[in-house]
């Protein structure tokens, strides 16, 4: 199955957990949003409690504005084109970064934390 989609990755700071000692104090969580159509958007967030999937009846711009008002540090656009979904037996640690990298088709092995993923995406966009 091949798909083409724009995915917007939201980077933010959440209250610190025990594993936060390994992460940046500025950016320690990420999730992504993607438009379903012109008036609906889906949000996919890997949390410590599991996978959160929410559908919003607002367009991408309005949802992005609301997310930024609620403390997001940055939203970066990633475009997935022609990425072939493959069934793999071994998946990387199911973290917010692992889920986001899988959705974008990023194979950077050293982007393990949200800050590392943020820096990787900024470098790739410039």
PDB file of N, CA and C in Angstrom:
ATOM      1  N   UNK A   1       0.837  -1.172   0.000  1.00  0.00           N
ATOM      2  CA  UNK A   1       0.000   0.000   0.000  1.00  0.00           C
ATOM      3  C   UNK A   1       0.891   1.248   0.000  1.00  0.00           C
ATOM      4  N   UNK A   2       0.656   2.168  -0.903  1.00  0.00           N
ATOM      5  CA  UNK A   2       1.413   3.414  -0.994  1.00  0.00           C
ATOM      6  C   UNK A   2       0.453   4.576  -0.765  1.00  0.00           C
ATOM      7  N   UNK A   3       0.867   5.522   0.022  1.00  0.00           N
ATOM      8  CA  UNK A   3       0.025   6.684   0.282  1.00  0.00           C
ATOM      9  C   UNK A   3       0.838   7.968   0.214  1.00  0.00           C
ATOM     10  N   UNK A   4       0.122   9.087   0.101  1.00  0.00           N
ATOM     11  CA  UNK A   4       0.743  10.409   0.062  1.00  0.00           C
ATOM     12  C   UNK A   4      -0.062  11.311   0.984  1.00  0.00           C
ATOM     13  N   UNK A   5       0.622  11.912   1.954  1.00  0.00           N
ATOM     14  CA  UNK A   5      -0.090  12.697   2.960  1.00  0.00           C
ATOM     15  C   UNK A   5       0.847  13.700   3.595  1.00  0.00           C
ATOM     16  N   UNK A   6       0.287  14.846   3.966  1.00  0.00           N
ATOM     17  CA  UNK A   6       1.026  15.844   4.740  1.00  0.00           C
ATOM     18  C   UNK A   6       0.766  15.563   6.215  1.00  0.00           C
ATOM     19  N   UNK A   7       1.835  15.431   6.968  1.00  0.00           N
ATOM     20  CA  UNK A   7       1.740  15.177   8.403  1.00  0.00           C
ATOM     21  C   UNK A   7       2.449  16.318   9.115  1.00  0.00           C
ATOM     22  N   UNK A   8       1.795  16.880  10.106  1.00  0.00           N
ATOM     23  CA  UNK A   8       2.343  17.997  10.866  1.00  0.00           C
ATOM     24  C   UNK A   8       2.708  17.494  12.258  1.00  0.00           C
ATOM     25  N   UNK A   9       3.979  17.599  12.601  1.00  0.00           N
ATOM     26  CA  UNK A   9       4.470  17.091  13.875  1.00  0.00           C
ATOM     27  C   UNK A   9       4.489  18.232  14.883  1.00  0.00           C
ATOM     28  N   UNK A  10       3.858  18.005  16.021  1.00  0.00           N
ATOM     29  CA  UNK A  10       3.773  18.989  17.100  1.00  0.00           C
ATOM     30  C   UNK A  10       4.815  18.621  18.151  1.00  0.00           C
ATOM     31  N   UNK A  11       5.657  19.590  18.500  1.00  0.00           N
ATOM     32  CA  UNK A  11       6.674  19.383  19.528  1.00  0.00           C
ATOM     33  C   UNK A  11       6.317  20.231  20.735  1.00  0.00           C
ATOM     34  N   UNK A  12       6.409  19.643  21.923  1.00  0.00           N
ATOM     35  CA  UNK A  12       5.995  20.359  23.124  1.00  0.00           C
ATOM     36  C   UNK A  12       6.726  19.852  24.360  1.00  0.00           C
ATOM     37  N   UNK A  13       6.473  20.540  25.469  1.00  0.00           N
ATOM     38  CA  UNK A  13       7.000  20.136  26.760  1.00  0.00           C
ATOM     39  C   UNK A  13       5.838  19.677  27.617  1.00  0.00           C
ATOM     40  N   UNK A  14       5.958  18.506  28.190  1.00  0.00           N
ATOM     41  CA  UNK A  14       4.941  17.973  29.094  1.00  0.00           C
ATOM     42  C   UNK A  14       5.568  17.834  30.481  1.00  0.00           C
ATOM     43  N   UNK A  15       4.748  17.671  31.519  1.00  0.00           N
ATOM     44  CA  UNK A  15       5.322  17.488  32.857  1.00  0.00           C
ATOM     45  C   UNK A  15       6.318  16.328  32.875  1.00  0.00           C
ATOM     46  N   UNK A  16       7.359  16.507  33.622  1.00  0.00           N
ATOM     47  CA  UNK A  16       8.474  15.558  33.609  1.00  0.00           C
ATOM     48  C   UNK A  16       8.099  14.234  34.270  1.00  0.00           C
ATOM     49  N   UNK A  17       8.565  13.167  33.657  1.00  0.00           N
ATOM     50  CA  UNK A  17       8.391  11.807  34.158  1.00  0.00           C
ATOM     51  C   UNK A  17       9.762  11.251  34.524  1.00  0.00           C
ATOM     52  N   UNK A  18       9.823  10.010  34.977  1.00  0.00           N
ATOM     53  CA  UNK A  18      11.110   9.443  35.381  1.00  0.00           C
ATOM     54  C   UNK A  18      12.099   9.357  34.227  1.00  0.00           C
ATOM     55  N   UNK A  19      11.602   9.110  33.014  1.00  0.00           N
ATOM     56  CA  UNK A  19      12.492   8.982  31.862  1.00  0.00           C
ATOM     57  C   UNK A  19      12.933  10.339  31.316  1.00  0.00           C
ATOM     58  N   UNK A  20      12.398  11.406  31.853  1.00  0.00           N
ATOM     59  CA  UNK A  20      12.730  12.751  31.376  1.00  0.00           C
ATOM     60  C   UNK A  20      14.186  13.133  31.619  1.00  0.00           C
ATOM     61  N   UNK A  21      14.872  12.416  32.490  1.00  0.00           N
ATOM     62  CA  UNK A  21      16.290  12.728  32.725  1.00  0.00           C
ATOM     63  C   UNK A  21      17.115  12.494  31.466  1.00  0.00           C
ATOM     64  N   UNK A  22      16.590  11.700  30.537  1.00  0.00           N
ATOM     65  CA  UNK A  22      17.291  11.414  29.290  1.00  0.00           C
ATOM     66  C   UNK A  22      16.917  12.392  28.174  1.00  0.00           C
ATOM     67  N   UNK A  23      16.002  13.302  28.446  1.00  0.00           N
ATOM     68  CA  UNK A  23      15.485  14.175  27.398  1.00  0.00           C
ATOM     69  C   UNK A  23      15.737  15.644  27.675  1.00  0.00           C
ATOM     70  N   UNK A  24      15.554  16.439  26.649  1.00  0.00           N
ATOM     71  CA  UNK A  24      15.707  17.886  26.756  1.00  0.00           C
ATOM     72  C   UNK A  24      14.603  18.472  27.636  1.00  0.00           C
ATOM     73  N   UNK A  25      14.912  19.549  28.302  1.00  0.00           N
ATOM     74  CA  UNK A  25      13.903  20.234  29.114  1.00  0.00           C
ATOM     75  C   UNK A  25      12.995  21.104  28.248  1.00  0.00           C
ATOM     76  N   UNK A  26      13.443  21.425  27.030  1.00  0.00           N
ATOM     77  CA  UNK A  26      12.661  22.294  26.147  1.00  0.00           C
ATOM     78  C   UNK A  26      11.603  21.525  25.372  1.00  0.00           C
ATOM     79  N   UNK A  27      11.987  20.398  24.808  1.00  0.00           N
ATOM     80  CA  UNK A  27      11.069  19.580  24.013  1.00  0.00           C
ATOM     81  C   UNK A  27      11.208  18.141  24.489  1.00  0.00           C
ATOM     82  N   UNK A  28      10.119  17.590  25.051  1.00  0.00           N
ATOM     83  CA  UNK A  28      10.205  16.210  25.522  1.00  0.00           C
ATOM     84  C   UNK A  28       9.012  15.350  25.093  1.00  0.00           C
ATOM     85  N   UNK A  29       8.218  15.851  24.143  1.00  0.00           N
ATOM     86  CA  UNK A  29       7.098  15.056  23.633  1.00  0.00           C
ATOM     87  C   UNK A  29       6.758  15.519  22.217  1.00  0.00           C
ATOM     88  N   UNK A  30       6.269  14.603  21.416  1.00  0.00           N
ATOM     89  CA  UNK A  30       5.794  14.967  20.076  1.00  0.00           C
ATOM     90  C   UNK A  30       4.587  14.099  19.728  1.00  0.00           C
ATOM     91  N   UNK A  31       3.763  14.620  18.862  1.00  0.00           N
ATOM     92  CA  UNK A  31       2.653  13.876  18.287  1.00  0.00           C
ATOM     93  C   UNK A  31       2.375  14.488  16.930  1.00  0.00           C
ATOM     94  N   UNK A  32       1.447  13.917  16.178  1.00  0.00           N
ATOM     95  CA  UNK A  32       1.208  14.489  14.851  1.00  0.00           C
ATOM     96  C   UNK A  32      -0.268  14.647  14.547  1.00  0.00           C
ATOM     97  N   UNK A  33      -0.515  15.607  13.654  1.00  0.00           N
ATOM     98  CA  UNK A  33      -1.863  15.877  13.173  1.00  0.00           C
ATOM     99  C   UNK A  33      -1.829  15.819  11.650  1.00  0.00           C
ATOM    100  N   UNK A  34      -2.942  15.447  11.077  1.00  0.00           N
ATOM    101  CA  UNK A  34      -3.026  15.373   9.625  1.00  0.00           C
ATOM    102  C   UNK A  34      -4.465  15.676   9.200  1.00  0.00           C
ATOM    103  N   UNK A  35      -4.631  16.407   8.111  1.00  0.00           N
ATOM    104  CA  UNK A  35      -6.001  16.708   7.660  1.00  0.00           C
ATOM    105  C   UNK A  35      -6.667  15.479   7.046  1.00  0.00           C
ATOM    106  N   UNK A  36      -7.939  15.310   7.363  1.00  0.00           N
ATOM    107  CA  UNK A  36      -8.740  14.262   6.720  1.00  0.00           C
ATOM    108  C   UNK A  36      -9.313  14.830   5.421  1.00  0.00           C
ATOM    109  N   UNK A  37      -9.857  16.030   5.540  1.00  0.00           N
ATOM    110  CA  UNK A  37     -10.335  16.797   4.391  1.00  0.00           C
ATOM    111  C   UNK A  37     -10.230  18.269   4.760  1.00  0.00           C
ATOM    112  N   UNK A  38     -10.911  19.150   4.043  1.00  0.00           N
ATOM    113  CA  UNK A  38     -10.753  20.590   4.290  1.00  0.00           C
ATOM    114  C   UNK A  38     -11.310  21.042   5.638  1.00  0.00           C
ATOM    115  N   UNK A  39     -12.236  20.296   6.209  1.00  0.00           N
ATOM    116  CA  UNK A  39     -12.884  20.730   7.447  1.00  0.00           C
ATOM    117  C   UNK A  39     -12.696  19.779   8.625  1.00  0.00           C
ATOM    118  N   UNK A  40     -11.914  18.729   8.468  1.00  0.00           N
ATOM    119  CA  UNK A  40     -11.707  17.785   9.570  1.00  0.00           C
ATOM    120  C   UNK A  40     -10.230  17.423   9.674  1.00  0.00           C
ATOM    121  N   UNK A  41      -9.788  17.193  10.917  1.00  0.00           N
ATOM    122  CA  UNK A  41      -8.387  16.893  11.195  1.00  0.00           C
ATOM    123  C   UNK A  41      -8.317  15.762  12.199  1.00  0.00           C
ATOM    124  N   UNK A  42      -7.295  14.938  12.064  1.00  0.00           N
ATOM    125  CA  UNK A  42      -7.087  13.843  13.009  1.00  0.00           C
ATOM    126  C   UNK A  42      -5.793  14.084  13.769  1.00  0.00           C
ATOM    127  N   UNK A  43      -5.794  13.777  15.063  1.00  0.00           N
ATOM    128  CA  UNK A  43      -4.634  13.922  15.936  1.00  0.00           C
ATOM    129  C   UNK A  43      -4.266  12.535  16.447  1.00  0.00           C
ATOM    130  N   UNK A  44      -2.994  12.166  16.321  1.00  0.00           N
ATOM    131  CA  UNK A  44      -2.515  10.857  16.783  1.00  0.00           C
ATOM    132  C   UNK A  44      -1.382  11.097  17.764  1.00  0.00           C
ATOM    133  N   UNK A  45      -1.555  10.585  18.976  1.00  0.00           N
ATOM    134  CA  UNK A  45      -0.653  10.871  20.074  1.00  0.00           C
ATOM    135  C   UNK A  45      -0.333   9.587  20.832  1.00  0.00           C
ATOM    136  N   UNK A  46       0.938   9.231  20.915  1.00  0.00           N
ATOM    137  CA  UNK A  46       1.369   8.084  21.712  1.00  0.00           C
ATOM    138  C   UNK A  46       1.657   8.584  23.120  1.00  0.00           C
ATOM    139  N   UNK A  47       0.884   8.144  24.094  1.00  0.00           N
ATOM    140  CA  UNK A  47       1.069   8.565  25.476  1.00  0.00           C
ATOM    141  C   UNK A  47       1.512   7.361  26.301  1.00  0.00           C
ATOM    142  N   UNK A  48       1.824   7.613  27.558  1.00  0.00           N
ATOM    143  CA  UNK A  48       2.220   6.493  28.408  1.00  0.00           C
ATOM    144  C   UNK A  48       1.055   5.545  28.657  1.00  0.00           C
ATOM    145  N   UNK A  49      -0.160   6.002  28.455  1.00  0.00           N
ATOM    146  CA  UNK A  49      -1.334   5.151  28.630  1.00  0.00           C
ATOM    147  C   UNK A  49      -1.741   4.393  27.380  1.00  0.00           C
ATOM    148  N   UNK A  50      -1.141   4.701  26.245  1.00  0.00           N
ATOM    149  CA  UNK A  50      -1.482   4.023  24.998  1.00  0.00           C
ATOM    150  C   UNK A  50      -1.586   5.005  23.850  1.00  0.00           C
ATOM    151  N   UNK A  51      -2.214   4.554  22.787  1.00  0.00           N
ATOM    152  CA  UNK A  51      -2.353   5.361  21.585  1.00  0.00           C
ATOM    153  C   UNK A  51      -3.661   6.145  21.644  1.00  0.00           C
ATOM    154  N   UNK A  52      -3.555   7.459  21.476  1.00  0.00           N
ATOM    155  CA  UNK A  52      -4.715   8.344  21.503  1.00  0.00           C
ATOM    156  C   UNK A  52      -4.973   8.834  20.082  1.00  0.00           C
ATOM    157  N   UNK A  53      -6.180   8.602  19.581  1.00  0.00           N
ATOM    158  CA  UNK A  53      -6.556   9.052  18.242  1.00  0.00           C
ATOM    159  C   UNK A  53      -7.834   9.875  18.372  1.00  0.00           C
ATOM    160  N   UNK A  54      -7.749  11.145  17.988  1.00  0.00           N
ATOM    161  CA  UNK A  54      -8.897  12.052  18.084  1.00  0.00           C
ATOM    162  C   UNK A  54      -9.186  12.663  16.728  1.00  0.00           C
ATOM    163  N   UNK A  55     -10.460  12.777  16.412  1.00  0.00           N
ATOM    164  CA  UNK A  55     -10.896  13.445  15.197  1.00  0.00           C
ATOM    165  C   UNK A  55     -11.559  14.757  15.595  1.00  0.00           C
ATOM    166  N   UNK A  56     -11.193  15.844  14.906  1.00  0.00           N
ATOM    167  CA  UNK A  56     -11.734  17.168  15.199  1.00  0.00           C
ATOM    168  C   UNK A  56     -12.455  17.708  13.974  1.00  0.00           C
ATOM    169  N   UNK A  57     -13.582  18.321  14.191  1.00  0.00           N
ATOM    170  CA  UNK A  57     -14.356  18.915  13.106  1.00  0.00           C
ATOM    171  C   UNK A  57     -13.956  20.361  12.878  1.00  0.00           C
ATOM    172  N   UNK A  58     -12.672  20.613  12.845  1.00  0.00           N
ATOM    173  CA  UNK A  58     -12.117  21.924  12.514  1.00  0.00           C
ATOM    174  C   UNK A  58     -11.010  21.705  11.497  1.00  0.00           C
ATOM    175  N   UNK A  59     -10.711  22.762  10.745  1.00  0.00           N
ATOM    176  CA  UNK A  59      -9.659  22.603   9.746  1.00  0.00           C
ATOM    177  C   UNK A  59      -8.288  22.614  10.412  1.00  0.00           C
ATOM    178  N   UNK A  60      -7.287  22.269   9.668  1.00  0.00           N
ATOM    179  CA  UNK A  60      -5.926  22.134  10.176  1.00  0.00           C
ATOM    180  C   UNK A  60      -5.403  23.438  10.760  1.00  0.00           C
ATOM    181  N   UNK A  61      -5.693  24.558  10.121  1.00  0.00           N
ATOM    182  CA  UNK A  61      -5.174  25.855  10.584  1.00  0.00           C
ATOM    183  C   UNK A  61      -5.757  26.208  11.946  1.00  0.00           C
ATOM    184  N   UNK A  62      -7.051  26.023  12.129  1.00  0.00           N
ATOM    185  CA  UNK A  62      -7.681  26.338  13.417  1.00  0.00           C
ATOM    186  C   UNK A  62      -7.165  25.427  14.526  1.00  0.00           C
ATOM    187  N   UNK A  63      -7.015  24.143  14.226  1.00  0.00           N
ATOM    188  CA  UNK A  63      -6.491  23.217  15.234  1.00  0.00           C
ATOM    189  C   UNK A  63      -5.044  23.570  15.584  1.00  0.00           C
ATOM    190  N   UNK A  64      -4.249  23.933  14.582  1.00  0.00           N
ATOM    191  CA  UNK A  64      -2.852  24.320  14.833  1.00  0.00           C
ATOM    192  C   UNK A  64      -2.772  25.556  15.717  1.00  0.00           C
ATOM    193  N   UNK A  65      -3.617  26.538  15.465  1.00  0.00           N
ATOM    194  CA  UNK A  65      -3.638  27.748  16.295  1.00  0.00           C
ATOM    195  C   UNK A  65      -3.986  27.402  17.741  1.00  0.00           C
ATOM    196  N   UNK A  66      -4.965  26.528  17.920  1.00  0.00           N
ATOM    197  CA  UNK A  66      -5.376  26.118  19.253  1.00  0.00           C
ATOM    198  C   UNK A  66      -4.259  25.351  19.969  1.00  0.00           C
ATOM    199  N   UNK A  67      -3.565  24.505  19.249  1.00  0.00           N
ATOM    200  CA  UNK A  67      -2.451  23.743  19.820  1.00  0.00           C
ATOM    201  C   UNK A  67      -1.334  24.685  20.248  1.00  0.00           C
ATOM    202  N   UNK A  68      -1.010  25.667  19.429  1.00  0.00           N
ATOM    203  CA  UNK A  68       0.047  26.622  19.782  1.00  0.00           C
ATOM    204  C   UNK A  68      -0.341  27.456  21.006  1.00  0.00           C
ATOM    205  N   UNK A  69      -1.618  27.808  21.130  1.00  0.00           N
ATOM    206  CA  UNK A  69      -2.084  28.551  22.308  1.00  0.00           C
ATOM    207  C   UNK A  69      -1.940  27.721  23.576  1.00  0.00           C
ATOM    208  N   UNK A  70      -2.034  26.397  23.432  1.00  0.00           N
ATOM    209  CA  UNK A  70      -1.971  25.507  24.591  1.00  0.00           C
ATOM    210  C   UNK A  70      -0.558  25.040  24.918  1.00  0.00           C
ATOM    211  N   UNK A  71       0.449  25.725  24.399  1.00  0.00           N
ATOM    212  CA  UNK A  71       1.809  25.468  24.858  1.00  0.00           C
ATOM    213  C   UNK A  71       2.724  24.675  23.952  1.00  0.00           C
ATOM    214  N   UNK A  72       2.331  24.402  22.727  1.00  0.00           N
ATOM    215  CA  UNK A  72       3.243  23.699  21.824  1.00  0.00           C
ATOM    216  C   UNK A  72       4.431  24.599  21.491  1.00  0.00           C
ATOM    217  N   UNK A  73       5.606  24.022  21.353  1.00  0.00           N
ATOM    218  CA  UNK A  73       6.808  24.792  21.034  1.00  0.00           C
ATOM    219  C   UNK A  73       6.910  25.093  19.538  1.00  0.00           C
ATOM    220  N   UNK A  74       6.549  24.120  18.710  1.00  0.00           N
ATOM    221  CA  UNK A  74       6.663  24.301  17.262  1.00  0.00           C
ATOM    222  C   UNK A  74       5.848  23.226  16.567  1.00  0.00           C
ATOM    223  N   UNK A  75       5.453  23.499  15.335  1.00  0.00           N
ATOM    224  CA  UNK A  75       4.784  22.523  14.476  1.00  0.00           C
ATOM    225  C   UNK A  75       5.550  22.490  13.163  1.00  0.00           C
ATOM    226  N   UNK A  76       6.075  21.328  12.814  1.00  0.00           N
ATOM    227  CA  UNK A  76       6.838  21.166  11.573  1.00  0.00           C
ATOM    228  C   UNK A  76       6.055  20.300  10.603  1.00  0.00           C
ATOM    229  N   UNK A  77       6.128  20.659   9.332  1.00  0.00           N
ATOM    230  CA  UNK A  77       5.420  19.925   8.288  1.00  0.00           C
ATOM    231  C   UNK A  77       6.331  18.858   7.704  1.00  0.00           C
ATOM    232  N   UNK A  78       5.804  17.672   7.632  1.00  0.00           N
ATOM    233  CA  UNK A  78       6.505  16.582   6.964  1.00  0.00           C
ATOM    234  C   UNK A  78       5.587  16.015   5.910  1.00  0.00           C
ATOM    235  N   UNK A  79       6.072  15.858   4.704  1.00  0.00           N
ATOM    236  CA  UNK A  79       5.242  15.331   3.624  1.00  0.00           C
ATOM    237  C   UNK A  79       5.699  13.914   3.320  1.00  0.00           C
ATOM    238  N   UNK A  80       4.762  13.022   3.340  1.00  0.00           N
ATOM    239  CA  UNK A  80       5.047  11.634   3.030  1.00  0.00           C
ATOM    240  C   UNK A  80       4.589  11.397   1.597  1.00  0.00           C
ATOM    241  N   UNK A  81       5.521  11.042   0.735  1.00  0.00           N
ATOM    242  CA  UNK A  81       5.163  10.786  -0.661  1.00  0.00           C
ATOM    243  C   UNK A  81       5.709   9.435  -1.084  1.00  0.00           C
ATOM    244  N   UNK A  82       4.835   8.603  -1.512  1.00  0.00           N
ATOM    245  CA  UNK A  82       5.252   7.324  -2.054  1.00  0.00           C
ATOM    246  C   UNK A  82       5.918   6.405  -1.051  1.00  0.00           C
ATOM    247  N   UNK A  83       5.691   6.627   0.220  1.00  0.00           N
ATOM    248  CA  UNK A  83       6.267   5.762   1.255  1.00  0.00           C
ATOM    249  C   UNK A  83       5.495   4.467   1.266  1.00  0.00           C
ATOM    250  N   UNK A  84       6.176   3.370   1.110  1.00  0.00           N
ATOM    251  CA  UNK A  84       5.520   2.075   1.083  1.00  0.00           C
ATOM    252  C   UNK A  84       5.469   1.505   2.491  1.00  0.00           C
ATOM    253  N   UNK A  85       4.265   1.240   2.967  1.00  0.00           N
ATOM    254  CA  UNK A  85       4.109   0.645   4.284  1.00  0.00           C
ATOM    255  C   UNK A  85       4.559  -0.808   4.229  1.00  0.00           C
ATOM    256  N   UNK A  86       5.419  -1.185   5.146  1.00  0.00           N
ATOM    257  CA  UNK A  86       5.918  -2.547   5.182  1.00  0.00           C
ATOM    258  C   UNK A  86       5.560  -3.176   6.513  1.00  0.00           C
ATOM    259  N   UNK A  87       5.238  -4.409   6.467  1.00  0.00           N
ATOM    260  CA  UNK A  87       4.971  -5.133   7.703  1.00  0.00           C
ATOM    261  C   UNK A  87       6.309  -5.610   8.249  1.00  0.00           C
ATOM    262  N   UNK A  88       6.629  -5.156   9.436  1.00  0.00           N
ATOM    263  CA  UNK A  88       7.892  -5.544  10.066  1.00  0.00           C
ATOM    264  C   UNK A  88       7.602  -6.335  11.327  1.00  0.00           C
ATOM    265  N   UNK A  89       8.425  -7.312  11.584  1.00  0.00           N
ATOM    266  CA  UNK A  89       8.240  -8.105  12.794  1.00  0.00           C
ATOM    267  C   UNK A  89       8.770  -7.374  14.021  1.00  0.00           C
ATOM    268  N   UNK A  90       9.856  -6.631  13.847  1.00  0.00           N
ATOM    269  CA  UNK A  90      10.465  -5.931  14.966  1.00  0.00           C
ATOM    270  C   UNK A  90      10.204  -4.443  14.831  1.00  0.00           C
ATOM    271  N   UNK A  91       9.554  -3.873  15.805  1.00  0.00           N
ATOM    272  CA  UNK A  91       9.301  -2.436  15.835  1.00  0.00           C
ATOM    273  C   UNK A  91      10.153  -1.823  16.917  1.00  0.00           C
ATOM    274  N   UNK A  92      10.570  -0.604  16.685  1.00  0.00           N
ATOM    275  CA  UNK A  92      11.333   0.113  17.695  1.00  0.00           C
ATOM    276  C   UNK A  92      10.420   0.417  18.870  1.00  0.00           C
ATOM    277  N   UNK A  93      11.015   0.711  19.976  1.00  0.00           N
ATOM    278  CA  UNK A  93      10.301   1.070  21.200  1.00  0.00           C
ATOM    279  C   UNK A  93       9.119   1.982  20.872  1.00  0.00           C
ATOM    280  N   UNK A  94       7.938   1.608  21.285  1.00  0.00           N
ATOM    281  CA  UNK A  94       6.726   2.363  20.968  1.00  0.00           C
ATOM    282  C   UNK A  94       6.657   3.642  21.784  1.00  0.00           C
ATOM    283  N   UNK A  95       7.345   4.623  21.315  1.00  0.00           N
ATOM    284  CA  UNK A  95       7.332   5.937  21.952  1.00  0.00           C
ATOM    285  C   UNK A  95       6.684   6.924  20.999  1.00  0.00           C
ATOM    286  N   UNK A  96       6.547   8.158  21.460  1.00  0.00           N
ATOM    287  CA  UNK A  96       5.994   9.190  20.588  1.00  0.00           C
ATOM    288  C   UNK A  96       6.896   9.393  19.372  1.00  0.00           C
ATOM    289  N   UNK A  97       8.208   9.292  19.570  1.00  0.00           N
ATOM    290  CA  UNK A  97       9.157   9.459  18.466  1.00  0.00           C
ATOM    291  C   UNK A  97       9.073   8.276  17.502  1.00  0.00           C
ATOM    292  N   UNK A  98       9.007   7.066  18.034  1.00  0.00           N
ATOM    293  CA  UNK A  98       8.910   5.877  17.180  1.00  0.00           C
ATOM    294  C   UNK A  98       7.675   5.903  16.300  1.00  0.00           C
ATOM    295  N   UNK A  99       6.544   6.282  16.871  1.00  0.00           N
ATOM    296  CA  UNK A  99       5.306   6.355  16.108  1.00  0.00           C
ATOM    297  C   UNK A  99       5.392   7.436  15.027  1.00  0.00           C
ATOM    298  N   UNK A 100       5.939   8.596  15.381  1.00  0.00           N
ATOM    299  CA  UNK A 100       6.054   9.704  14.428  1.00  0.00           C
ATOM    300  C   UNK A 100       7.018   9.350  13.305  1.00  0.00           C
ATOM    301  N   UNK A 101       8.141   8.732  13.641  1.00  0.00           N
ATOM    302  CA  UNK A 101       9.094   8.328  12.609  1.00  0.00           C
ATOM    303  C   UNK A 101       8.478   7.302  11.661  1.00  0.00           C
ATOM    304  N   UNK A 102       7.721   6.348  12.199  1.00  0.00           N
ATOM    305  CA  UNK A 102       7.049   5.364  11.346  1.00  0.00           C
ATOM    306  C   UNK A 102       6.046   6.038  10.410  1.00  0.00           C
ATOM    307  N   UNK A 103       5.286   6.999  10.927  1.00  0.00           N
ATOM    308  CA  UNK A 103       4.278   7.679  10.098  1.00  0.00           C
ATOM    309  C   UNK A 103       4.919   8.476   8.978  1.00  0.00           C
ATOM    310  N   UNK A 104       6.080   9.078   9.255  1.00  0.00           N
ATOM    311  CA  UNK A 104       6.764   9.892   8.254  1.00  0.00           C
ATOM    312  C   UNK A 104       7.722   9.099   7.373  1.00  0.00           C
ATOM    313  N   UNK A 105       7.991   7.862   7.739  1.00  0.00           N
ATOM    314  CA  UNK A 105       8.939   7.055   6.974  1.00  0.00           C
ATOM    315  C   UNK A 105      10.381   7.448   7.228  1.00  0.00           C
ATOM    316  N   UNK A 106      10.657   8.018   8.400  1.00  0.00           N
ATOM    317  CA  UNK A 106      12.016   8.440   8.751  1.00  0.00           C
ATOM    318  C   UNK A 106      12.785   7.239   9.285  1.00  0.00           C
ATOM    319  N   UNK A 107      13.969   7.030   8.743  1.00  0.00           N
ATOM    320  CA  UNK A 107      14.776   5.893   9.160  1.00  0.00           C
ATOM    321  C   UNK A 107      16.014   6.313   9.939  1.00  0.00           C
ATOM    322  N   UNK A 108      16.028   7.526  10.469  1.00  0.00           N
ATOM    323  CA  UNK A 108      17.190   8.030  11.208  1.00  0.00           C
ATOM    324  C   UNK A 108      17.336   7.250  12.514  1.00  0.00           C
ATOM    325  N   UNK A 109      18.363   6.400  12.628  1.00  0.00           N
ATOM    326  CA  UNK A 109      18.478   5.556  13.819  1.00  0.00           C
ATOM    327  C   UNK A 109      18.861   6.310  15.081  1.00  0.00           C
ATOM    328  N   UNK A 110      19.435   7.490  14.949  1.00  0.00           N
ATOM    329  CA  UNK A 110      19.874   8.220  16.128  1.00  0.00           C
ATOM    330  C   UNK A 110      18.912   9.323  16.545  1.00  0.00           C
ATOM    331  N   UNK A 111      17.744   9.379  15.946  1.00  0.00           N
ATOM    332  CA  UNK A 111      16.698  10.303  16.399  1.00  0.00           C
ATOM    333  C   UNK A 111      15.813   9.512  17.356  1.00  0.00           C
ATOM    334  N   UNK A 112      16.203   9.505  18.626  1.00  0.00           N
ATOM    335  CA  UNK A 112      15.512   8.695  19.626  1.00  0.00           C
ATOM    336  C   UNK A 112      14.630   9.515  20.567  1.00  0.00           C
ATOM    337  N   UNK A 113      14.952  10.783  20.744  1.00  0.00           N
ATOM    338  CA  UNK A 113      14.170  11.637  21.637  1.00  0.00           C
ATOM    339  C   UNK A 113      13.430  12.689  20.802  1.00  0.00           C
ATOM    340  N   UNK A 114      12.410  13.315  21.364  1.00  0.00           N
ATOM    341  CA  UNK A 114      11.710  14.361  20.614  1.00  0.00           C
ATOM    342  C   UNK A 114      12.626  15.499  20.160  1.00  0.00           C
ATOM    343  N   UNK A 115      13.585  15.900  20.981  1.00  0.00           N
ATOM    344  CA  UNK A 115      14.507  16.974  20.588  1.00  0.00           C
ATOM    345  C   UNK A 115      15.390  16.536  19.415  1.00  0.00           C
ATOM    346  N   UNK A 116      15.866  15.304  19.424  1.00  0.00           N
ATOM    347  CA  UNK A 116      16.673  14.800  18.312  1.00  0.00           C
ATOM    348  C   UNK A 116      15.847  14.739  17.032  1.00  0.00           C
ATOM    349  N   UNK A 117      14.583  14.313  17.133  1.00  0.00           N
ATOM    350  CA  UNK A 117      13.705  14.286  15.964  1.00  0.00           C
ATOM    351  C   UNK A 117      13.445  15.697  15.458  1.00  0.00           C
ATOM    352  N   UNK A 118      13.240  16.636  16.374  1.00  0.00           N
ATOM    353  CA  UNK A 118      13.019  18.033  15.999  1.00  0.00           C
ATOM    354  C   UNK A 118      14.222  18.577  15.222  1.00  0.00           C
ATOM    355  N   UNK A 119      15.423  18.362  15.741  1.00  0.00           N
ATOM    356  CA  UNK A 119      16.633  18.844  15.065  1.00  0.00           C
ATOM    357  C   UNK A 119      16.805  18.172  13.705  1.00  0.00           C
ATOM    358  N   UNK A 120      16.515  16.888  13.629  1.00  0.00           N
ATOM    359  CA  UNK A 120      16.610  16.164  12.361  1.00  0.00           C
ATOM    360  C   UNK A 120      15.655  16.762  11.333  1.00  0.00           C
ATOM    361  N   UNK A 121      14.403  17.021  11.736  1.00  0.00           N
ATOM    362  CA  UNK A 121      13.424  17.569  10.801  1.00  0.00           C
ATOM    363  C   UNK A 121      13.767  18.996  10.391  1.00  0.00           C
ATOM    364  N   UNK A 122      14.273  19.794  11.307  1.00  0.00           N
ATOM    365  CA  UNK A 122      14.685  21.174  10.967  1.00  0.00           C
ATOM    366  C   UNK A 122      15.824  21.144   9.951  1.00  0.00           C
ATOM    367  N   UNK A 123      16.803  20.264  10.164  1.00  0.00           N
ATOM    368  CA  UNK A 123      17.928  20.153   9.208  1.00  0.00           C
ATOM    369  C   UNK A 123      17.442  19.705   7.848  1.00  0.00           C
ATOM    370  N   UNK A 124      16.500  18.777   7.797  1.00  0.00           N
ATOM    371  CA  UNK A 124      15.999  18.270   6.527  1.00  0.00           C
ATOM    372  C   UNK A 124      15.170  19.317   5.778  1.00  0.00           C
ATOM    373  N   UNK A 125      14.531  20.242   6.502  1.00  0.00           N
ATOM    374  CA  UNK A 125      13.699  21.255   5.855  1.00  0.00           C
ATOM    375  C   UNK A 125      14.507  22.417   5.329  1.00  0.00           C
ATOM    376  N   UNK A 126      15.714  22.589   5.843  1.00  0.00           N
ATOM    377  CA  UNK A 126      16.516  23.739   5.380  1.00  0.00           C
ATOM    378  C   UNK A 126      17.398  23.389   4.196  1.00  0.00           C
TER     379      UNK A 126
END
